[in-house]
Each structure stands twice: as structure tokens, then as C-alpha cells.
C-alpha atoms as a PDB file:
ATOM      1  CA  MET A   1       2.463  -1.579   3.972  1.00  0.00           C
ATOM      2  CA  HIS A   2       1.450   1.255   1.664  1.00  0.00           C
ATOM      3  CA  GLU A   3       3.884   3.944   0.698  1.00  0.00           C
ATOM      4  CA  HIS A   4       3.712   7.392   2.238  1.00  0.00           C
ATOM      5  CA  TYR A   5       5.318  10.742   1.357  1.00  0.00           C
ATOM      6  CA  PRO A   6       7.517  11.197  -0.627  1.00  0.00           C
ATOM      7  CA  PHE A   7       5.765   9.043  -3.201  1.00  0.00           C
ATOM      8  CA  THR A   8       7.738   7.484  -6.039  1.00  0.00           C
ATOM      9  CA  VAL A   9       6.966   6.411  -9.583  1.00  0.00           C
ATOM     10  CA  LYS A  10       6.612   2.623  -9.618  1.00  0.00           C
ATOM     11  CA  PRO A  11       7.861   0.799 -12.718  1.00  0.00           C
ATOM     12  CA  LEU A  12       5.401  -1.204 -14.732  1.00  0.00           C
ATOM     13  CA  PRO A  13       5.480  -4.933 -13.935  1.00  0.00           C
ATOM     14  CA  TYR A  14       5.922  -5.612 -17.666  1.00  0.00           C
ATOM     15  CA  ASP A  15       7.399  -3.911 -20.739  1.00  0.00           C
ATOM     16  CA  TYR A  16       5.578  -1.016 -22.380  1.00  0.00           C
ATOM     17  CA  ASP A  17       4.743  -3.161 -25.402  1.00  0.00           C
ATOM     18  CA  ALA A  18       3.784  -6.264 -23.407  1.00  0.00           C
ATOM     19  CA  LEU A  19       0.011  -5.725 -23.689  1.00  0.00           C
ATOM     20  CA  GLU A  20       0.009  -5.470 -27.485  1.00  0.00           C
ATOM     21  CA  PRO A  21      -2.160  -5.723 -29.499  1.00  0.00           C
ATOM     22  CA  TYR A  22      -4.832  -4.842 -26.952  1.00  0.00           C
ATOM     23  CA  ILE A  23      -3.079  -1.808 -25.451  1.00  0.00           C
ATOM     24  CA  ASP A  24      -0.317  -0.292 -27.558  1.00  0.00           C
ATOM     25  CA  GLU A  25       3.206   0.605 -26.488  1.00  0.00           C
ATOM     26  CA  LYS A  26       2.863   4.332 -27.215  1.00  0.00           C
ATOM     27  CA  THR A  27      -0.233   4.605 -25.032  1.00  0.00           C
ATOM     28  CA  MET A  28       1.340   2.681 -22.155  1.00  0.00           C
ATOM     29  CA  ARG A  29       4.506   4.765 -22.276  1.00  0.00           C
ATOM     30  CA  LEU A  30       2.588   8.051 -22.307  1.00  0.00           C
ATOM     31  CA  HIS A  31       0.191   6.808 -19.653  1.00  0.00           C
ATOM     32  CA  HIS A  32       2.940   5.722 -17.263  1.00  0.00           C
ATOM     33  CA  GLU A  33       5.717   8.214 -17.946  1.00  0.00           C
ATOM     34  CA  GLY A  34       3.457  11.179 -18.606  1.00  0.00           C
ATOM     35  CA  HIS A  35       0.149  11.096 -16.761  1.00  0.00           C
ATOM     36  CA  TYR A  36       0.996   8.835 -13.812  1.00  0.00           C
ATOM     37  CA  ARG A  37       4.370  10.492 -13.197  1.00  0.00           C
ATOM     38  CA  THR A  38       2.696  13.905 -13.164  1.00  0.00           C
ATOM     39  CA  TYR A  39       0.204  12.757 -10.539  1.00  0.00           C
ATOM     40  CA  VAL A  40       3.070  11.548  -8.324  1.00  0.00           C
ATOM     41  CA  ASN A  41       4.961  14.821  -8.680  1.00  0.00           C
ATOM     42  CA  GLU A  42       1.898  16.976  -8.001  1.00  0.00           C
ATOM     43  CA  LEU A  43       0.917  14.909  -4.961  1.00  0.00           C
ATOM     44  CA  ASN A  44       4.389  15.314  -3.463  1.00  0.00           C
ATOM     45  CA  LYS A  45       4.318  19.030  -4.175  1.00  0.00           C
ATOM     46  CA  ALA A  46       0.970  19.422  -2.394  1.00  0.00           C
ATOM     47  CA  LEU A  47       2.109  17.543   0.714  1.00  0.00           C
ATOM     48  CA  LYS A  48       5.614  18.980   0.974  1.00  0.00           C
ATOM     49  CA  GLU A  49       4.769  21.782   3.418  1.00  0.00           C
ATOM     50  CA  PHE A  50       2.605  19.569   5.674  1.00  0.00           C
ATOM     51  CA  PRO A  51       5.004  17.278   7.599  1.00  0.00           C
ATOM     52  CA  ASP A  52       2.225  16.080   9.905  1.00  0.00           C
ATOM     53  CA  LEU A  53       0.769  14.264   6.874  1.00  0.00           C
ATOM     54  CA  HIS A  54       4.009  12.681   5.663  1.00  0.00           C
ATOM     55  CA  HIS A  55       3.617   9.445   7.635  1.00  0.00           C
ATOM     56  CA  ILE A  56       0.073   8.726   6.457  1.00  0.00           C
ATOM     57  CA  PRO A  57      -0.264   6.053   3.739  1.00  0.00           C
ATOM     58  CA  LEU A  58      -2.016   7.156   0.573  1.00  0.00           C
ATOM     59  CA  PRO A  59      -5.158   5.007   1.023  1.00  0.00           C
ATOM     60  CA  ASP A  60      -5.676   6.555   4.466  1.00  0.00           C
ATOM     61  CA  LEU A  61      -5.374  10.058   3.035  1.00  0.00           C
ATOM     62  CA  LEU A  62      -7.947   9.243   0.370  1.00  0.00           C
ATOM     63  CA  GLU A  63     -10.326   7.564   2.811  1.00  0.00           C
ATOM     64  CA  ASN A  64     -10.192  10.571   5.138  1.00  0.00           C
ATOM     65  CA  LEU A  65     -10.045  13.615   2.909  1.00  0.00           C
ATOM     66  CA  GLU A  66     -11.766  15.677   5.580  1.00  0.00           C
ATOM     67  CA  ILE A  67      -8.586  15.611   7.711  1.00  0.00           C
ATOM     68  CA  LEU A  68      -6.666  17.485   5.017  1.00  0.00           C
ATOM     69  CA  PRO A  69      -6.268  21.256   5.020  1.00  0.00           C
ATOM     70  CA  LEU A  70      -8.745  22.866   2.656  1.00  0.00           C
ATOM     71  CA  SER A  71      -5.885  24.436   0.716  1.00  0.00           C
ATOM     72  CA  ILE A  72      -4.680  21.038  -0.533  1.00  0.00           C
ATOM     73  CA  ARG A  73      -7.766  18.838  -0.199  1.00  0.00           C
ATOM     74  CA  ASN A  74      -8.816  18.899  -3.847  1.00  0.00           C
ATOM     75  CA  THR A  75      -5.221  18.627  -5.044  1.00  0.00           C
ATOM     76  CA  VAL A  76      -4.646  15.503  -2.953  1.00  0.00           C
ATOM     77  CA  ARG A  77      -8.032  14.113  -3.978  1.00  0.00           C
ATOM     78  CA  ASN A  78      -7.218  14.544  -7.669  1.00  0.00           C
ATOM     79  CA  ASN A  79      -3.527  13.709  -7.752  1.00  0.00           C
ATOM     80  CA  GLY A  80      -3.534  11.196  -4.914  1.00  0.00           C
ATOM     81  CA  GLY A  81      -6.451   9.489  -6.606  1.00  0.00           C
ATOM     82  CA  GLY A  82      -4.491   9.539  -9.845  1.00  0.00           C
ATOM     83  CA  VAL A  83      -1.565   7.809  -8.161  1.00  0.00           C
ATOM     84  CA  PHE A  84      -3.668   5.202  -6.364  1.00  0.00           C
ATOM     85  CA  ASN A  85      -5.925   4.435  -9.336  1.00  0.00           C
ATOM     86  CA  HIS A  86      -3.103   4.117 -11.837  1.00  0.00           C
ATOM     87  CA  GLU A  87      -0.927   1.924  -9.652  1.00  0.00           C
ATOM     88  CA  LEU A  88      -3.853  -0.447  -9.168  1.00  0.00           C
ATOM     89  CA  TYR A  89      -4.802  -0.317 -12.860  1.00  0.00           C
ATOM     90  CA  PHE A  90      -1.269  -1.047 -14.086  1.00  0.00           C
ATOM     91  CA  ASN A  91      -0.942  -3.962 -11.680  1.00  0.00           C
ATOM     92  CA  VAL A  92      -4.172  -5.773 -12.560  1.00  0.00           C
ATOM     93  CA  MET A  93      -3.075  -6.382 -16.141  1.00  0.00           C
ATOM     94  CA  LYS A  94      -0.619  -8.903 -17.546  1.00  0.00           C
ATOM     95  CA  PRO A  95       0.687  -9.935 -20.968  1.00  0.00           C
ATOM     96  CA  ILE A  96      -0.457 -13.566 -20.856  1.00  0.00           C
ATOM     97  CA  ARG A  97      -4.103 -13.877 -21.802  1.00  0.00           C
ATOM     98  CA  GLN A  98      -6.340 -15.378 -19.106  1.00  0.00           C
ATOM     99  CA  ASN A  99      -9.891 -15.593 -20.351  1.00  0.00           C
ATOM    100  CA  LYS A 100     -11.857 -16.002 -17.128  1.00  0.00           C
ATOM    101  CA  PRO A 101     -11.550 -15.482 -13.372  1.00  0.00           C
ATOM    102  CA  THR A 102     -10.627 -18.353 -11.093  1.00  0.00           C
ATOM    103  CA  GLY A 103     -10.759 -19.034  -7.366  1.00  0.00           C
ATOM    104  CA  LYS A 104     -12.921 -17.182  -4.864  1.00  0.00           C
ATOM    105  CA  ILE A 105     -13.449 -14.161  -7.090  1.00  0.00           C
ATOM    106  CA  ALA A 106     -14.868 -16.440  -9.783  1.00  0.00           C
ATOM    107  CA  ASP A 107     -17.319 -17.916  -7.272  1.00  0.00           C
ATOM    108  CA  ALA A 108     -18.271 -14.444  -6.036  1.00  0.00           C
ATOM    109  CA  ILE A 109     -18.856 -13.138  -9.569  1.00  0.00           C
ATOM    110  CA  LYS A 110     -21.082 -16.098 -10.379  1.00  0.00           C
ATOM    111  CA  SER A 111     -22.984 -15.638  -7.117  1.00  0.00           C
ATOM    112  CA  HIS A 112     -23.540 -11.889  -7.511  1.00  0.00           C
ATOM    113  CA  PHE A 113     -23.916 -11.528 -11.281  1.00  0.00           C
ATOM    114  CA  GLY A 114     -25.104 -14.950 -12.422  1.00  0.00           C
ATOM    115  CA  SER A 115     -22.265 -15.558 -14.872  1.00  0.00           C
ATOM    116  CA  TYR A 116     -18.976 -14.107 -16.034  1.00  0.00           C
ATOM    117  CA  ASP A 117     -20.562 -12.984 -19.311  1.00  0.00           C
ATOM    118  CA  ASN A 118     -23.261 -11.112 -17.414  1.00  0.00           C
ATOM    119  CA  PHE A 119     -20.583  -9.482 -15.244  1.00  0.00           C
ATOM    120  CA  LYS A 120     -18.679  -8.379 -18.364  1.00  0.00           C
ATOM    121  CA  SER A 121     -21.828  -6.880 -19.860  1.00  0.00           C
ATOM    122  CA  LYS A 122     -22.656  -4.898 -16.701  1.00  0.00           C
ATOM    123  CA  PHE A 123     -19.062  -3.771 -16.262  1.00  0.00           C
ATOM    124  CA  LYS A 124     -18.893  -2.579 -19.857  1.00  0.00           C
ATOM    125  CA  ASP A 125     -22.152  -0.678 -19.391  1.00  0.00           C
ATOM    126  CA  ALA A 126     -20.687   1.108 -16.365  1.00  0.00           C
ATOM    127  CA  ALA A 127     -17.538   2.012 -18.301  1.00  0.00           C
ATOM    128  CA  LEU A 128     -19.453   3.228 -21.348  1.00  0.00           C
ATOM    129  CA  SER A 129     -21.942   5.262 -19.337  1.00  0.00           C
ATOM    130  CA  ARG A 130     -19.277   7.225 -17.459  1.00  0.00           C
ATOM    131  CA  PHE A 131     -19.657  10.626 -19.112  1.00  0.00           C
ATOM    132  CA  GLY A 132     -16.308  12.274 -19.748  1.00  0.00           C
ATOM    133  CA  SER A 133     -13.304  11.070 -17.761  1.00  0.00           C
ATOM    134  CA  GLY A 134     -13.362   8.536 -14.975  1.00  0.00           C
ATOM    135  CA  TRP A 135     -13.214   4.892 -13.973  1.00  0.00           C
ATOM    136  CA  ALA A 136     -15.298   1.737 -13.836  1.00  0.00           C
ATOM    137  CA  TRP A 137     -14.800  -0.519 -10.820  1.00  0.00           C
ATOM    138  CA  LEU A 138     -15.525  -3.906  -9.399  1.00  0.00           C
ATOM    139  CA  VAL A 139     -15.695  -3.322  -5.645  1.00  0.00           C
ATOM    140  CA  ASN A 140     -16.866  -5.101  -2.537  1.00  0.00           C
ATOM    141  CA  ASP A 141     -18.292  -3.928   0.762  1.00  0.00           C
ATOM    142  CA  ASP A 142     -17.306  -5.047   4.243  1.00  0.00           C
ATOM    143  CA  ASN A 143     -19.539  -8.110   3.920  1.00  0.00           C
ATOM    144  CA  GLY A 144     -17.812  -9.216   0.731  1.00  0.00           C
ATOM    145  CA  LYS A 145     -20.726  -8.331  -1.550  1.00  0.00           C
ATOM    146  CA  LEU A 146     -19.624  -7.289  -5.039  1.00  0.00           C
ATOM    147  CA  TYR A 147     -20.811  -4.188  -6.855  1.00  0.00           C
ATOM    148  CA  ILE A 148     -20.010  -2.506 -10.156  1.00  0.00           C
ATOM    149  CA  ILE A 149     -19.699   1.268  -9.919  1.00  0.00           C
ATOM    150  CA  SER A 150     -18.118   4.151 -11.779  1.00  0.00           C
ATOM    151  CA  THR A 151     -16.386   7.258 -10.444  1.00  0.00           C
ATOM    152  CA  PRO A 152     -15.619  10.599 -12.105  1.00  0.00           C
ATOM    153  CA  ASN A 153     -12.169  12.028 -12.744  1.00  0.00           C
ATOM    154  CA  GLN A 154      -9.617  10.487 -10.318  1.00  0.00           C
ATOM    155  CA  ASP A 155     -12.044   9.776  -7.495  1.00  0.00           C
ATOM    156  CA  THR A 156     -11.566   6.426  -5.775  1.00  0.00           C
ATOM    157  CA  PRO A 157     -14.027   4.096  -4.036  1.00  0.00           C
ATOM    158  CA  LEU A 158     -12.027   4.506  -0.817  1.00  0.00           C
ATOM    159  CA  HIS A 159     -13.766   7.632   0.425  1.00  0.00           C
ATOM    160  CA  ALA A 160     -17.088   5.776   0.221  1.00  0.00           C
ATOM    161  CA  GLY A 161     -15.680   3.038   2.431  1.00  0.00           C
ATOM    162  CA  ILE A 162     -15.706   0.297  -0.202  1.00  0.00           C
ATOM    163  CA  ASN A 163     -12.857  -1.857  -1.414  1.00  0.00           C
ATOM    164  CA  PRO A 164     -11.502  -1.480  -4.962  1.00  0.00           C
ATOM    165  CA  ILE A 165     -10.903  -4.862  -6.591  1.00  0.00           C
ATOM    166  CA  LEU A 166     -10.682  -4.198 -10.336  1.00  0.00           C
ATOM    167  CA  PRO A 167     -10.351  -0.752 -11.989  1.00  0.00           C
ATOM    168  CA  LEU A 168     -10.718   0.258 -15.623  1.00  0.00           C
ATOM    169  CA  ASP A 169      -9.398   3.640 -16.703  1.00  0.00           C
ATOM    170  CA  VAL A 170     -11.775   5.274 -19.177  1.00  0.00           C
ATOM    171  CA  TRP A 171      -9.987   8.601 -19.436  1.00  0.00           C
ATOM    172  CA  GLU A 172      -9.263   9.220 -23.118  1.00  0.00           C
ATOM    173  CA  HIS A 173      -5.518   9.127 -22.477  1.00  0.00           C
ATOM    174  CA  ALA A 174      -5.916   5.412 -21.677  1.00  0.00           C
ATOM    175  CA  TYR A 175      -7.104   4.483 -25.151  1.00  0.00           C
ATOM    176  CA  TYR A 176      -7.410   7.374 -27.620  1.00  0.00           C
ATOM    177  CA  LEU A 177      -4.108   6.924 -29.502  1.00  0.00           C
ATOM    178  CA  LYS A 178      -5.157   3.425 -30.584  1.00  0.00           C
ATOM    179  CA  TYR A 179      -8.942   3.442 -30.431  1.00  0.00           C
ATOM    180  CA  ASN A 180      -9.819   7.114 -30.981  1.00  0.00           C
ATOM    181  CA  ASN A 181     -13.445   7.507 -29.851  1.00  0.00           C
ATOM    182  CA  ARG A 182     -14.134   3.741 -29.839  1.00  0.00           C
ATOM    183  CA  ARG A 183     -14.279   3.306 -26.073  1.00  0.00           C
ATOM    184  CA  GLY A 184     -16.360   0.142 -26.390  1.00  0.00           C
ATOM    185  CA  GLU A 185     -13.681  -1.584 -28.482  1.00  0.00           C
ATOM    186  CA  TYR A 186     -11.031  -0.631 -25.924  1.00  0.00           C
ATOM    187  CA  ILE A 187     -13.158  -2.106 -23.140  1.00  0.00           C
ATOM    188  CA  ASP A 188     -13.745  -5.353 -25.029  1.00  0.00           C
ATOM    189  CA  ASN A 189     -10.042  -5.772 -25.721  1.00  0.00           C
ATOM    190  CA  TRP A 190      -9.034  -4.835 -22.179  1.00  0.00           C
ATOM    191  CA  PHE A 191     -10.789  -7.942 -20.858  1.00  0.00           C
ATOM    192  CA  ASN A 192      -8.034  -9.937 -22.590  1.00  0.00           C
ATOM    193  CA  VAL A 193      -5.273  -8.541 -20.369  1.00  0.00           C
ATOM    194  CA  ILE A 194      -6.896  -8.723 -16.923  1.00  0.00           C
ATOM    195  CA  ASP A 195      -4.738 -10.601 -14.418  1.00  0.00           C
ATOM    196  CA  TRP A 196      -7.423 -12.599 -12.648  1.00  0.00           C
ATOM    197  CA  ASN A 197      -4.922 -14.089 -10.230  1.00  0.00           C
ATOM    198  CA  LYS A 198      -4.212 -10.544  -9.038  1.00  0.00           C
ATOM    199  CA  ILE A 199      -7.917  -9.728  -8.835  1.00  0.00           C
ATOM    200  CA  ASN A 200      -8.474 -12.848  -6.756  1.00  0.00           C
ATOM    201  CA  GLN A 201      -5.679 -11.721  -4.417  1.00  0.00           C
ATOM    202  CA  ASN A 202      -7.204  -8.238  -4.118  1.00  0.00           C
ATOM    203  CA  TYR A 203     -10.582  -9.729  -3.254  1.00  0.00           C
ATOM    204  CA  GLN A 204      -9.254 -12.155  -0.666  1.00  0.00           C
ATOM    205  CA  LYS A 205      -7.060  -9.482   0.906  1.00  0.00           C
ATOM    206  CA  SER A 206     -10.050  -7.158   1.284  1.00  0.00           C
ATOM    207  CA  LEU A 207     -11.931  -9.902   3.140  1.00  0.00           C
ATOM    208  CA  ILE A 208      -9.019 -10.616   5.476  1.00  0.00           C
ATOM    209  CA  LEU A 209      -8.575  -6.924   6.295  1.00  0.00           C
ATOM    210  CA  LYS A 210     -12.204  -6.654   7.380  1.00  0.00           C
END
């Protein structure tokens, strides 16, 4: 069951320095305690005066933005997306290096992209080509077919009716303190901290829900 209003700041599932040397402690602390916390606070502020929306889980709000009052629609889109995207991003990483996917997601990646290396290359291209701030995603449709996409700002794949499996944050706040303008190096190193067991769970859950 997904959380609904009032939303809370979820702790990281690991210490702030746990992803070193690939993602540094200072970045993770600022990312979680600064940016993510702000998104949670601003989302709650936007929804406070609309009790008829308080029972709706966040994914449902983001999938159905048209049901929101115009006065808060963009605020919920931006800040709700920031909450959803960051919670997923933080939870698909882990300290123990796992080089390659396993299970059904590994089979699906091989089937759709030919090989894991080819998937990595296409995913990196999507992350590098996102102009300005945004995200790269591995997603699947209702038939289980995998796609690599990117979204601007804090937009999510949910409003397009596709299932987010693996997100990569390419906002500068996700990497600039350590990598400066070297987004490609950040992306390469990020592959070392992906929790493929979690990605496999996300993929299988999306298939069960459909």
C-alpha cells in the first residue's frame, strides 16, 4: 500500500556514506535531507487545503493529474514527482556491488536489448542526452515489454501509463559535488551500486499488477 497525505520523509535504507566511492556522503546527505525533504514538505503544503485528495496514494495522483485542481496541479506534478522519483531512486541502490542483473529482469534485458552491455550503452545515452535536469528510466508497458526513456524535471512515467522499473537521477544535485560537469563518469559509476534484486522485484511486481 502506498502512502497518502500527509507524506513523510523516508530514511535511506543505508548510511549516507554507504555508496562511496561511487556516490559520496556529502551528496547523499544533501540529496536526501535537502532536496527530497523539500519535495515532501511542498507536496504536503499543496494538498493541505484539499481533504478530498488526502486518501489518494501518490502514484494515483501522479497517474491522474487531470483530477487535481488547476491551482495545485503543477505543484503536485513537480513536488509529488520529486517525492516518488527520489524514493524509488534511493531504494534501487545498495552498498554491495552487484555487477549484473539476475532473474527475470536479466532475461527480459537480454531479450529486449540483446545483452546487458548493450542495455548499459543505451541507458547511458538516454541519461546523457537529457538536456538540463531530469531522469533516465528503464520502464515496461502492460505487456511486459521494456523501454528506455528519459523525462524532464520531476516528471514520472506514471502519467504515460508505463511502469517505472529503474530510475537514474541526472539533476546536477545528484552528482555535481563529486563529478562537477562529468555526468558520464557519474553514470558509469552509478552502475556499480544498482540493486538488481530490487529491480527484479519491481519488474515482477509490475507484471503481477497488470
